[in-house]
PDB file of N, CA and C in Angstrom:
ATOM      1  N   MET A   1       2.431 -52.742  10.534  1.00  0.00           N
ATOM      2  CA  MET A   1       2.715 -52.116   9.253  1.00  0.00           C
ATOM      3  C   MET A   1       3.491 -53.117   8.402  1.00  0.00           C
ATOM      4  N   SER A   2       3.023 -53.378   7.182  1.00  0.00           N
ATOM      5  CA  SER A   2       3.695 -54.348   6.320  1.00  0.00           C
ATOM      6  C   SER A   2       4.945 -53.730   5.703  1.00  0.00           C
ATOM      7  N   LYS A   3       5.769 -54.600   5.131  1.00  0.00           N
ATOM      8  CA  LYS A   3       7.022 -54.152   4.536  1.00  0.00           C
ATOM      9  C   LYS A   3       6.772 -53.135   3.425  1.00  0.00           C
ATOM     10  N   ALA A   4       5.698 -53.347   2.625  1.00  0.00           N
ATOM     11  CA  ALA A   4       5.394 -52.443   1.523  1.00  0.00           C
ATOM     12  C   ALA A   4       4.932 -51.078   2.020  1.00  0.00           C
ATOM     13  N   GLN A   5       4.398 -51.010   3.256  1.00  0.00           N
ATOM     14  CA  GLN A   5       3.881 -49.760   3.778  1.00  0.00           C
ATOM     15  C   GLN A   5       4.929 -48.976   4.558  1.00  0.00           C
ATOM     16  N   LYS A   6       6.038 -49.602   4.936  1.00  0.00           N
ATOM     17  CA  LYS A   6       7.059 -48.916   5.709  1.00  0.00           C
ATOM     18  C   LYS A   6       7.709 -47.824   4.889  1.00  0.00           C
ATOM     19  N   LYS A   7       8.061 -46.757   5.550  1.00  0.00           N
ATOM     20  CA  LYS A   7       8.769 -45.677   4.894  1.00  0.00           C
ATOM     21  C   LYS A   7      10.226 -46.103   4.711  1.00  0.00           C
ATOM     22  N   THR A   8      10.767 -45.832   3.541  1.00  0.00           N
ATOM     23  CA  THR A   8      12.144 -46.202   3.255  1.00  0.00           C
ATOM     24  C   THR A   8      13.086 -45.373   4.125  1.00  0.00           C
ATOM     25  N   SER A   9      13.988 -46.062   4.826  1.00  0.00           N
ATOM     26  CA  SER A   9      14.919 -45.361   5.708  1.00  0.00           C
ATOM     27  C   SER A   9      15.981 -44.630   4.900  1.00  0.00           C
ATOM     28  N   ARG A  10      16.660 -43.723   5.560  1.00  0.00           N
ATOM     29  CA  ARG A  10      17.719 -42.945   4.919  1.00  0.00           C
ATOM     30  C   ARG A  10      18.845 -43.855   4.455  1.00  0.00           C
ATOM     31  N   VAL A  11      19.186 -44.853   5.249  1.00  0.00           N
ATOM     32  CA  VAL A  11      20.249 -45.789   4.897  1.00  0.00           C
ATOM     33  C   VAL A  11      19.841 -46.610   3.668  1.00  0.00           C
ATOM     34  N   THR A  12      18.598 -47.072   3.653  1.00  0.00           N
ATOM     35  CA  THR A  12      18.114 -47.850   2.508  1.00  0.00           C
ATOM     36  C   THR A  12      18.124 -47.005   1.249  1.00  0.00           C
ATOM     37  N   ARG A  13      17.693 -45.750   1.344  1.00  0.00           N
ATOM     38  CA  ARG A  13      17.724 -44.867   0.175  1.00  0.00           C
ATOM     39  C   ARG A  13      19.149 -44.692  -0.332  1.00  0.00           C
ATOM     40  N   ALA A  14      20.104 -44.554   0.578  1.00  0.00           N
ATOM     41  CA  ALA A  14      21.510 -44.406   0.180  1.00  0.00           C
ATOM     42  C   ALA A  14      22.019 -45.680  -0.496  1.00  0.00           C
ATOM     43  N   LEU A  15      21.643 -46.836   0.032  1.00  0.00           N
ATOM     44  CA  LEU A  15      22.057 -48.098  -0.581  1.00  0.00           C
ATOM     45  C   LEU A  15      21.440 -48.278  -1.962  1.00  0.00           C
ATOM     46  N   LEU A  16      20.182 -47.917  -2.104  1.00  0.00           N
ATOM     47  CA  LEU A  16      19.528 -48.015  -3.405  1.00  0.00           C
ATOM     48  C   LEU A  16      20.156 -47.064  -4.418  1.00  0.00           C
ATOM     49  N   GLU A  17      20.533 -45.886  -3.966  1.00  0.00           N
ATOM     50  CA  GLU A  17      21.220 -44.936  -4.849  1.00  0.00           C
ATOM     51  C   GLU A  17      22.568 -45.500  -5.286  1.00  0.00           C
ATOM     52  N   THR A  18      23.283 -46.130  -4.363  1.00  0.00           N
ATOM     53  CA  THR A  18      24.559 -46.765  -4.702  1.00  0.00           C
ATOM     54  C   THR A  18      24.360 -47.889  -5.708  1.00  0.00           C
ATOM     55  N   ALA A  19      23.305 -48.696  -5.497  1.00  0.00           N
ATOM     56  CA  ALA A  19      22.999 -49.779  -6.441  1.00  0.00           C
ATOM     57  C   ALA A  19      22.674 -49.211  -7.820  1.00  0.00           C
ATOM     58  N   ASP A  20      21.950 -48.093  -7.877  1.00  0.00           N
ATOM     59  CA  ASP A  20      21.658 -47.445  -9.161  1.00  0.00           C
ATOM     60  C   ASP A  20      22.949 -47.002  -9.851  1.00  0.00           C
ATOM     61  N   ASP A  21      23.851 -46.407  -9.079  1.00  0.00           N
ATOM     62  CA  ASP A  21      25.133 -45.975  -9.639  1.00  0.00           C
ATOM     63  C   ASP A  21      25.953 -47.163 -10.132  1.00  0.00           C
ATOM     64  N   MET A  22      25.927 -48.254  -9.374  1.00  0.00           N
ATOM     65  CA  MET A  22      26.666 -49.449  -9.780  1.00  0.00           C
ATOM     66  C   MET A  22      26.085 -50.026 -11.072  1.00  0.00           C
ATOM     67  N   ARG A  23      24.770 -49.970 -11.220  1.00  0.00           N
ATOM     68  CA  ARG A  23      24.133 -50.464 -12.454  1.00  0.00           C
ATOM     69  C   ARG A  23      24.531 -49.589 -13.627  1.00  0.00           C
ATOM     70  N   ARG A  24      24.457 -48.274 -13.446  1.00  0.00           N
ATOM     71  CA  ARG A  24      24.846 -47.360 -14.525  1.00  0.00           C
ATOM     72  C   ARG A  24      26.319 -47.509 -14.880  1.00  0.00           C
ATOM     73  N   GLY A  25      27.146 -47.798 -13.907  1.00  0.00           N
ATOM     74  CA  GLY A  25      28.578 -47.964 -14.142  1.00  0.00           C
ATOM     75  C   GLY A  25      28.970 -49.330 -14.674  1.00  0.00           C
ATOM     76  N   GLY A  26      28.013 -50.239 -14.778  1.00  0.00           N
ATOM     77  CA  GLY A  26      28.294 -51.555 -15.319  1.00  0.00           C
ATOM     78  C   GLY A  26      28.883 -52.534 -14.317  1.00  0.00           C
ATOM     79  N   LEU A  27      28.869 -52.188 -13.040  1.00  0.00           N
ATOM     80  CA  LEU A  27      29.429 -53.075 -12.022  1.00  0.00           C
ATOM     81  C   LEU A  27      28.501 -54.225 -11.664  1.00  0.00           C
ATOM     82  N   ILE A  28      27.202 -54.005 -11.813  1.00  0.00           N
ATOM     83  CA  ILE A  28      26.238 -55.089 -11.598  1.00  0.00           C
ATOM     84  C   ILE A  28      25.287 -55.127 -12.794  1.00  0.00           C
ATOM     85  N   ASP A  29      24.777 -56.309 -13.089  1.00  0.00           N
ATOM     86  CA  ASP A  29      23.867 -56.436 -14.227  1.00  0.00           C
ATOM     87  C   ASP A  29      22.439 -56.092 -13.814  1.00  0.00           C
ATOM     88  N   LYS A  30      21.568 -56.037 -14.816  1.00  0.00           N
ATOM     89  CA  LYS A  30      20.183 -55.637 -14.582  1.00  0.00           C
ATOM     90  C   LYS A  30      19.474 -56.569 -13.598  1.00  0.00           C
ATOM     91  N   ALA A  31      19.685 -57.880 -13.754  1.00  0.00           N
ATOM     92  CA  ALA A  31      19.011 -58.850 -12.883  1.00  0.00           C
ATOM     93  C   ALA A  31      19.401 -58.644 -11.417  1.00  0.00           C
ATOM     94  N   ALA A  32      20.686 -58.434 -11.166  1.00  0.00           N
ATOM     95  CA  ALA A  32      21.147 -58.209  -9.789  1.00  0.00           C
ATOM     96  C   ALA A  32      20.573 -56.911  -9.233  1.00  0.00           C
ATOM     97  N   HIS A  33      20.517 -55.881 -10.072  1.00  0.00           N
ATOM     98  CA  HIS A  33      19.980 -54.591  -9.633  1.00  0.00           C
ATOM     99  C   HIS A  33      18.506 -54.712  -9.274  1.00  0.00           C
ATOM    100  N   GLU A  34      17.731 -55.416 -10.112  1.00  0.00           N
ATOM    101  CA  GLU A  34      16.302 -55.579  -9.828  1.00  0.00           C
ATOM    102  C   GLU A  34      16.082 -56.382  -8.559  1.00  0.00           C
ATOM    103  N   LYS A  35      16.925 -57.383  -8.325  1.00  0.00           N
ATOM    104  CA  LYS A  35      16.788 -58.185  -7.114  1.00  0.00           C
ATOM    105  C   LYS A  35      17.037 -57.319  -5.876  1.00  0.00           C
ATOM    106  N   ILE A  36      18.038 -56.486  -5.948  1.00  0.00           N
ATOM    107  CA  ILE A  36      18.354 -55.599  -4.818  1.00  0.00           C
ATOM    108  C   ILE A  36      17.200 -54.629  -4.567  1.00  0.00           C
ATOM    109  N   THR A  37      16.748 -53.982  -5.615  1.00  0.00           N
ATOM    110  CA  THR A  37      15.734 -52.951  -5.414  1.00  0.00           C
ATOM    111  C   THR A  37      14.382 -53.536  -5.026  1.00  0.00           C
ATOM    112  N   MET A  38      13.986 -54.661  -5.615  1.00  0.00           N
ATOM    113  CA  MET A  38      12.699 -55.260  -5.269  1.00  0.00           C
ATOM    114  C   MET A  38      12.693 -55.717  -3.813  1.00  0.00           C
ATOM    115  N   ARG A  39      13.828 -56.193  -3.338  1.00  0.00           N
ATOM    116  CA  ARG A  39      13.899 -56.644  -1.949  1.00  0.00           C
ATOM    117  C   ARG A  39      13.665 -55.475  -0.995  1.00  0.00           C
ATOM    118  N   HIS A  40      14.111 -54.288  -1.381  1.00  0.00           N
ATOM    119  CA  HIS A  40      14.020 -53.146  -0.482  1.00  0.00           C
ATOM    120  C   HIS A  40      12.797 -52.274  -0.683  1.00  0.00           C
ATOM    121  N   ILE A  41      12.372 -52.111  -1.923  1.00  0.00           N
ATOM    122  CA  ILE A  41      11.222 -51.228  -2.134  1.00  0.00           C
ATOM    123  C   ILE A  41       9.920 -51.981  -2.262  1.00  0.00           C
ATOM    124  N   GLY A  42       9.976 -53.273  -2.562  1.00  0.00           N
ATOM    125  CA  GLY A  42       8.768 -54.086  -2.637  1.00  0.00           C
ATOM    126  C   GLY A  42       7.809 -53.606  -3.693  1.00  0.00           C
ATOM    127  N   ALA A  43       6.550 -53.846  -3.482  1.00  0.00           N
ATOM    128  CA  ALA A  43       5.517 -53.534  -4.466  1.00  0.00           C
ATOM    129  C   ALA A  43       5.269 -52.039  -4.604  1.00  0.00           C
ATOM    130  N   GLN A  44       5.705 -51.233  -3.645  1.00  0.00           N
ATOM    131  CA  GLN A  44       5.435 -49.801  -3.725  1.00  0.00           C
ATOM    132  C   GLN A  44       6.138 -49.148  -4.901  1.00  0.00           C
ATOM    133  N   GLY A  45       7.196 -49.763  -5.409  1.00  0.00           N
ATOM    134  CA  GLY A  45       7.912 -49.203  -6.544  1.00  0.00           C
ATOM    135  C   GLY A  45       7.331 -49.609  -7.882  1.00  0.00           C
ATOM    136  N   LEU A  46       6.374 -50.504  -7.887  1.00  0.00           N
ATOM    137  CA  LEU A  46       5.776 -50.966  -9.125  1.00  0.00           C
ATOM    138  C   LEU A  46       4.637 -50.047  -9.547  1.00  0.00           C
ATOM    139  N   ALA A  47       4.481 -49.924 -10.837  1.00  0.00           N
ATOM    140  CA  ALA A  47       3.389 -49.113 -11.362  1.00  0.00           C
ATOM    141  C   ALA A  47       2.057 -49.784 -11.023  1.00  0.00           C
ATOM    142  N   GLN A  48       1.098 -49.001 -10.650  1.00  0.00           N
ATOM    143  CA  GLN A  48      -0.225 -49.513 -10.335  1.00  0.00           C
ATOM    144  C   GLN A  48      -1.087 -49.442 -11.586  1.00  0.00           C
ATOM    145  N   ILE A  49      -1.776 -50.525 -11.890  1.00  0.00           N
ATOM    146  CA  ILE A  49      -2.638 -50.591 -13.058  1.00  0.00           C
ATOM    147  C   ILE A  49      -4.074 -50.344 -12.609  1.00  0.00           C
ATOM    148  N   ALA A  50      -4.704 -49.418 -13.292  1.00  0.00           N
ATOM    149  CA  ALA A  50      -6.101 -49.119 -12.968  1.00  0.00           C
ATOM    150  C   ALA A  50      -6.973 -50.317 -13.332  1.00  0.00           C
ATOM    151  N   PRO A  51      -7.922 -50.672 -12.485  1.00  0.00           N
ATOM    152  CA  PRO A  51      -8.790 -51.817 -12.786  1.00  0.00           C
ATOM    153  C   PRO A  51      -9.641 -51.543 -14.022  1.00  0.00           C
ATOM    154  N   LEU A  52      -9.991 -52.624 -14.698  1.00  0.00           N
ATOM    155  CA  LEU A  52     -10.830 -52.539 -15.891  1.00  0.00           C
ATOM    156  C   LEU A  52     -12.208 -53.107 -15.575  1.00  0.00           C
ATOM    157  N   THR A  53     -13.230 -52.441 -16.047  1.00  0.00           N
ATOM    158  CA  THR A  53     -14.593 -52.930 -15.872  1.00  0.00           C
ATOM    159  C   THR A  53     -14.949 -53.850 -17.038  1.00  0.00           C
ATOM    160  N   ALA A  54     -16.079 -54.512 -16.913  1.00  0.00           N
ATOM    161  CA  ALA A  54     -16.558 -55.373 -17.992  1.00  0.00           C
ATOM    162  C   ALA A  54     -16.763 -54.563 -19.272  1.00  0.00           C
ATOM    163  N   GLU A  55     -17.293 -53.368 -19.137  1.00  0.00           N
ATOM    164  CA  GLU A  55     -17.517 -52.506 -20.297  1.00  0.00           C
ATOM    165  C   GLU A  55     -16.195 -52.115 -20.949  1.00  0.00           C
ATOM    166  N   ASP A  56     -15.166 -51.868 -20.131  1.00  0.00           N
ATOM    167  CA  ASP A  56     -13.847 -51.522 -20.663  1.00  0.00           C
ATOM    168  C   ASP A  56     -13.278 -52.656 -21.511  1.00  0.00           C
ATOM    169  N   VAL A  57     -13.380 -53.876 -21.004  1.00  0.00           N
ATOM    170  CA  VAL A  57     -12.841 -55.040 -21.719  1.00  0.00           C
ATOM    171  C   VAL A  57     -13.586 -55.220 -23.037  1.00  0.00           C
ATOM    172  N   LYS A  58     -14.900 -55.115 -22.986  1.00  0.00           N
ATOM    173  CA  LYS A  58     -15.701 -55.280 -24.193  1.00  0.00           C
ATOM    174  C   LYS A  58     -15.369 -54.185 -25.207  1.00  0.00           C
ATOM    175  N   ALA A  59     -15.197 -52.952 -24.740  1.00  0.00           N
ATOM    176  CA  ALA A  59     -14.869 -51.835 -25.632  1.00  0.00           C
ATOM    177  C   ALA A  59     -13.483 -52.021 -26.257  1.00  0.00           C
ATOM    178  N   LEU A  60     -12.516 -52.501 -25.477  1.00  0.00           N
ATOM    179  CA  LEU A  60     -11.178 -52.750 -26.024  1.00  0.00           C
ATOM    180  C   LEU A  60     -11.231 -53.797 -27.128  1.00  0.00           C
ATOM    181  N   ARG A  61     -11.993 -54.851 -26.890  1.00  0.00           N
ATOM    182  CA  ARG A  61     -12.111 -55.915 -27.894  1.00  0.00           C
ATOM    183  C   ARG A  61     -12.814 -55.400 -29.141  1.00  0.00           C
ATOM    184  N   ALA A  62     -13.877 -54.631 -28.953  1.00  0.00           N
ATOM    185  CA  ALA A  62     -14.621 -54.090 -30.098  1.00  0.00           C
ATOM    186  C   ALA A  62     -13.748 -53.126 -30.902  1.00  0.00           C
ATOM    187  N   GLU A  63     -12.996 -52.291 -30.201  1.00  0.00           N
ATOM    188  CA  GLU A  63     -12.112 -51.337 -30.880  1.00  0.00           C
ATOM    189  C   GLU A  63     -11.030 -52.062 -31.679  1.00  0.00           C
ATOM    190  N   ALA A  64     -10.573 -53.198 -31.161  1.00  0.00           N
ATOM    191  CA  ALA A  64      -9.559 -53.992 -31.862  1.00  0.00           C
ATOM    192  C   ALA A  64     -10.166 -54.827 -32.984  1.00  0.00           C
ATOM    193  N   ARG A  65     -11.499 -54.859 -33.053  1.00  0.00           N
ATOM    194  CA  ARG A  65     -12.230 -55.632 -34.054  1.00  0.00           C
ATOM    195  C   ARG A  65     -11.844 -57.105 -34.005  1.00  0.00           C
ATOM    196  N   MET A  66     -11.904 -57.645 -32.787  1.00  0.00           N
ATOM    197  CA  MET A  66     -11.550 -59.045 -32.562  1.00  0.00           C
ATOM    198  C   MET A  66     -12.722 -59.780 -31.938  1.00  0.00           C
ATOM    199  N   SER A  67     -12.791 -61.056 -32.235  1.00  0.00           N
ATOM    200  CA  SER A  67     -13.762 -61.904 -31.553  1.00  0.00           C
ATOM    201  C   SER A  67     -13.201 -62.233 -30.168  1.00  0.00           C
ATOM    202  N   GLN A  68     -14.047 -62.776 -29.310  1.00  0.00           N
ATOM    203  CA  GLN A  68     -13.568 -63.201 -27.996  1.00  0.00           C
ATOM    204  C   GLN A  68     -12.491 -64.257 -28.138  1.00  0.00           C
ATOM    205  N   ALA A  69     -12.634 -65.143 -29.119  1.00  0.00           N
ATOM    206  CA  ALA A  69     -11.662 -66.221 -29.318  1.00  0.00           C
ATOM    207  C   ALA A  69     -10.290 -65.671 -29.707  1.00  0.00           C
ATOM    208  N   VAL A  70     -10.263 -64.690 -30.586  1.00  0.00           N
ATOM    209  CA  VAL A  70      -8.987 -64.117 -31.030  1.00  0.00           C
ATOM    210  C   VAL A  70      -8.331 -63.350 -29.886  1.00  0.00           C
ATOM    211  N   LEU A  71      -9.115 -62.555 -29.152  1.00  0.00           N
ATOM    212  CA  LEU A  71      -8.547 -61.828 -28.016  1.00  0.00           C
ATOM    213  C   LEU A  71      -8.018 -62.809 -26.970  1.00  0.00           C
ATOM    214  N   ALA A  72      -8.769 -63.857 -26.715  1.00  0.00           N
ATOM    215  CA  ALA A  72      -8.333 -64.865 -25.746  1.00  0.00           C
ATOM    216  C   ALA A  72      -6.999 -65.465 -26.150  1.00  0.00           C
ATOM    217  N   GLN A  73      -6.837 -65.724 -27.425  1.00  0.00           N
ATOM    218  CA  GLN A  73      -5.577 -66.297 -27.913  1.00  0.00           C
ATOM    219  C   GLN A  73      -4.422 -65.334 -27.669  1.00  0.00           C
ATOM    220  N   HIS A  74      -4.634 -64.053 -27.917  1.00  0.00           N
ATOM    221  CA  HIS A  74      -3.569 -63.056 -27.718  1.00  0.00           C
ATOM    222  C   HIS A  74      -3.245 -62.845 -26.240  1.00  0.00           C
ATOM    223  N   LEU A  75      -4.240 -63.026 -25.374  1.00  0.00           N
ATOM    224  CA  LEU A  75      -4.009 -62.879 -23.941  1.00  0.00           C
ATOM    225  C   LEU A  75      -3.544 -64.182 -23.290  1.00  0.00           C
ATOM    226  N   ASN A  76      -3.576 -65.273 -24.072  1.00  0.00           N
ATOM    227  CA  ASN A  76      -3.231 -66.606 -23.583  1.00  0.00           C
ATOM    228  C   ASN A  76      -4.159 -67.040 -22.439  1.00  0.00           C
ATOM    229  N   VAL A  77      -5.447 -66.809 -22.669  1.00  0.00           N
ATOM    230  CA  VAL A  77      -6.488 -67.229 -21.725  1.00  0.00           C
ATOM    231  C   VAL A  77      -7.565 -67.954 -22.519  1.00  0.00           C
ATOM    232  N   THR A  78      -8.560 -68.480 -21.828  1.00  0.00           N
ATOM    233  CA  THR A  78      -9.650 -69.183 -22.512  1.00  0.00           C
ATOM    234  C   THR A  78     -10.713 -68.199 -22.982  1.00  0.00           C
ATOM    235  N   VAL A  79     -11.494 -68.650 -23.947  1.00  0.00           N
ATOM    236  CA  VAL A  79     -12.614 -67.843 -24.437  1.00  0.00           C
ATOM    237  C   VAL A  79     -13.613 -67.618 -23.303  1.00  0.00           C
ATOM    238  N   GLY A  80     -13.802 -68.637 -22.483  1.00  0.00           N
ATOM    239  CA  GLY A  80     -14.704 -68.512 -21.343  1.00  0.00           C
ATOM    240  C   GLY A  80     -14.279 -67.416 -20.377  1.00  0.00           C
ATOM    241  N   TYR A  81     -12.966 -67.271 -20.188  1.00  0.00           N
ATOM    242  CA  TYR A  81     -12.456 -66.230 -19.293  1.00  0.00           C
ATOM    243  C   TYR A  81     -12.755 -64.841 -19.871  1.00  0.00           C
ATOM    244  N   VAL A  82     -12.537 -64.675 -21.174  1.00  0.00           N
ATOM    245  CA  VAL A  82     -12.841 -63.387 -21.810  1.00  0.00           C
ATOM    246  C   VAL A  82     -14.337 -63.100 -21.679  1.00  0.00           C
ATOM    247  N   SER A  83     -15.164 -64.112 -21.884  1.00  0.00           N
ATOM    248  CA  SER A  83     -16.609 -63.949 -21.733  1.00  0.00           C
ATOM    249  C   SER A  83     -16.961 -63.521 -20.309  1.00  0.00           C
ATOM    250  N   GLN A  84     -16.337 -64.153 -19.326  1.00  0.00           N
ATOM    251  CA  GLN A  84     -16.595 -63.794 -17.927  1.00  0.00           C
ATOM    252  C   GLN A  84     -16.151 -62.359 -17.643  1.00  0.00           C
ATOM    253  N   LEU A  85     -15.037 -61.934 -18.232  1.00  0.00           N
ATOM    254  CA  LEU A  85     -14.577 -60.555 -18.047  1.00  0.00           C
ATOM    255  C   LEU A  85     -15.592 -59.577 -18.611  1.00  0.00           C
ATOM    256  N   GLU A  86     -16.117 -59.891 -19.800  1.00  0.00           N
ATOM    257  CA  GLU A  86     -17.058 -58.989 -20.449  1.00  0.00           C
ATOM    258  C   GLU A  86     -18.427 -58.969 -19.776  1.00  0.00           C
ATOM    259  N   ARG A  87     -18.785 -60.027 -19.082  1.00  0.00           N
ATOM    260  CA  ARG A  87     -20.061 -60.068 -18.357  1.00  0.00           C
ATOM    261  C   ARG A  87     -19.917 -59.500 -16.951  1.00  0.00           C
ATOM    262  N   GLY A  88     -18.706 -59.285 -16.503  1.00  0.00           N
ATOM    263  CA  GLY A  88     -18.479 -58.779 -15.161  1.00  0.00           C
ATOM    264  C   GLY A  88     -18.443 -59.860 -14.109  1.00  0.00           C
ATOM    265  N   ALA A  89     -18.454 -61.123 -14.525  1.00  0.00           N
ATOM    266  CA  ALA A  89     -18.394 -62.232 -13.574  1.00  0.00           C
ATOM    267  C   ALA A  89     -17.015 -62.328 -12.937  1.00  0.00           C
ATOM    268  N   LYS A  90     -15.999 -61.881 -13.668  1.00  0.00           N
ATOM    269  CA  LYS A  90     -14.623 -61.853 -13.148  1.00  0.00           C
ATOM    270  C   LYS A  90     -13.996 -60.535 -13.533  1.00  0.00           C
ATOM    271  N   ARG A  91     -12.953 -60.178 -12.797  1.00  0.00           N
ATOM    272  CA  ARG A  91     -12.167 -58.990 -13.111  1.00  0.00           C
ATOM    273  C   ARG A  91     -10.790 -59.452 -13.551  1.00  0.00           C
ATOM    274  N   PRO A  92     -10.187 -58.809 -14.556  1.00  0.00           N
ATOM    275  CA  PRO A  92      -8.874 -59.245 -15.010  1.00  0.00           C
ATOM    276  C   PRO A  92      -7.809 -59.012 -13.934  1.00  0.00           C
ATOM    277  N   THR A  93      -6.900 -59.978 -13.842  1.00  0.00           N
ATOM    278  CA  THR A  93      -5.795 -59.875 -12.895  1.00  0.00           C
ATOM    279  C   THR A  93      -4.517 -60.364 -13.576  1.00  0.00           C
ATOM    280  N   GLY A  94      -3.411 -60.136 -12.922  1.00  0.00           N
ATOM    281  CA  GLY A  94      -2.141 -60.670 -13.372  1.00  0.00           C
ATOM    282  C   GLY A  94      -1.758 -60.246 -14.776  1.00  0.00           C
ATOM    283  N   ALA A  95      -1.245 -61.218 -15.540  1.00  0.00           N
ATOM    284  CA  ALA A  95      -0.754 -60.939 -16.889  1.00  0.00           C
ATOM    285  C   ALA A  95      -1.868 -60.451 -17.806  1.00  0.00           C
ATOM    286  N   ALA A  96      -3.073 -60.994 -17.651  1.00  0.00           N
ATOM    287  CA  ALA A  96      -4.189 -60.552 -18.492  1.00  0.00           C
ATOM    288  C   ALA A  96      -4.488 -59.073 -18.248  1.00  0.00           C
ATOM    289  N   LEU A  97      -4.469 -58.649 -17.004  1.00  0.00           N
ATOM    290  CA  LEU A  97      -4.699 -57.241 -16.680  1.00  0.00           C
ATOM    291  C   LEU A  97      -3.591 -56.376 -17.263  1.00  0.00           C
ATOM    292  N   ALA A  98      -2.358 -56.828 -17.140  1.00  0.00           N
ATOM    293  CA  ALA A  98      -1.230 -56.064 -17.674  1.00  0.00           C
ATOM    294  C   ALA A  98      -1.351 -55.908 -19.196  1.00  0.00           C
ATOM    295  N   LEU A  99      -1.687 -56.988 -19.897  1.00  0.00           N
ATOM    296  CA  LEU A  99      -1.830 -56.912 -21.350  1.00  0.00           C
ATOM    297  C   LEU A  99      -3.012 -56.031 -21.755  1.00  0.00           C
ATOM    298  N   LEU A 100      -4.113 -56.147 -21.048  1.00  0.00           N
ATOM    299  CA  LEU A 100      -5.265 -55.300 -21.351  1.00  0.00           C
ATOM    300  C   LEU A 100      -4.950 -53.824 -21.109  1.00  0.00           C
ATOM    301  N   ASP A 101      -4.144 -53.552 -20.097  1.00  0.00           N
ATOM    302  CA  ASP A 101      -3.736 -52.172 -19.828  1.00  0.00           C
ATOM    303  C   ASP A 101      -2.861 -51.643 -20.960  1.00  0.00           C
ATOM    304  N   ILE A 102      -1.975 -52.486 -21.474  1.00  0.00           N
ATOM    305  CA  ILE A 102      -1.141 -52.084 -22.610  1.00  0.00           C
ATOM    306  C   ILE A 102      -2.018 -51.792 -23.823  1.00  0.00           C
ATOM    307  N   ILE A 103      -2.998 -52.662 -24.057  1.00  0.00           N
ATOM    308  CA  ILE A 103      -3.924 -52.455 -25.178  1.00  0.00           C
ATOM    309  C   ILE A 103      -4.679 -51.148 -24.992  1.00  0.00           C
ATOM    310  N   ARG A 104      -5.113 -50.877 -23.762  1.00  0.00           N
ATOM    311  CA  ARG A 104      -5.859 -49.650 -23.482  1.00  0.00           C
ATOM    312  C   ARG A 104      -4.991 -48.405 -23.765  1.00  0.00           C
ATOM    313  N   ARG A 105      -3.719 -48.476 -23.332  1.00  0.00           N
ATOM    314  CA  ARG A 105      -2.849 -47.310 -23.474  1.00  0.00           C
ATOM    315  C   ARG A 105      -2.246 -47.155 -24.863  1.00  0.00           C
ATOM    316  N   LYS A 106      -1.868 -48.267 -25.506  1.00  0.00           N
ATOM    317  CA  LYS A 106      -1.107 -48.177 -26.747  1.00  0.00           C
ATOM    318  C   LYS A 106      -1.788 -48.776 -27.955  1.00  0.00           C
ATOM    319  N   GLY A 107      -2.908 -49.433 -27.756  1.00  0.00           N
ATOM    320  CA  GLY A 107      -3.603 -50.063 -28.872  1.00  0.00           C
ATOM    321  C   GLY A 107      -3.211 -51.524 -29.021  1.00  0.00           C
ATOM    322  N   ILE A 108      -4.000 -52.247 -29.777  1.00  0.00           N
ATOM    323  CA  ILE A 108      -3.807 -53.678 -29.936  1.00  0.00           C
ATOM    324  C   ILE A 108      -2.491 -54.006 -30.626  1.00  0.00           C
ATOM    325  N   GLN A 109      -2.009 -53.114 -31.478  1.00  0.00           N
ATOM    326  CA  GLN A 109      -0.757 -53.371 -32.200  1.00  0.00           C
ATOM    327  C   GLN A 109       0.430 -53.559 -31.262  1.00  0.00           C
ATOM    328  N   ALA A 110       0.339 -53.047 -30.048  1.00  0.00           N
ATOM    329  CA  ALA A 110       1.447 -53.155 -29.088  1.00  0.00           C
ATOM    330  C   ALA A 110       1.703 -54.589 -28.659  1.00  0.00           C
ATOM    331  N   ILE A 111       0.698 -55.469 -28.750  1.00  0.00           N
ATOM    332  CA  ILE A 111       0.919 -56.845 -28.321  1.00  0.00           C
ATOM    333  C   ILE A 111       0.925 -57.842 -29.484  1.00  0.00           C
ATOM    334  N   LEU A 112       0.696 -57.367 -30.701  1.00  0.00           N
ATOM    335  CA  LEU A 112       0.677 -58.275 -31.856  1.00  0.00           C
ATOM    336  C   LEU A 112       2.070 -58.508 -32.402  1.00  0.00           C
TER     337      LEU A 112
END
């Protein structure tokens, strides 16, 4: 069983609650709090982004009324990568997936 799949122990939950209280009380800063919690909860505490299909990417771009070149610039990727996403040759990952998810949920204005 990997660290991300393990059930959080009672002691760990108590420590995380204490860390939350310390953050709210100003005893530790945000960076220290995130380091503590990420070490203990791992990826299971992160929001999961639904995968995007080629049709989804193309529809997002069309709805934003952008060319592949303009969308690529906003995502900080190449035009070829956007083309591959729209053809289904590749699936978006990492920062590109996160930005496309924001566009899907909030519209293109959220990243401009």
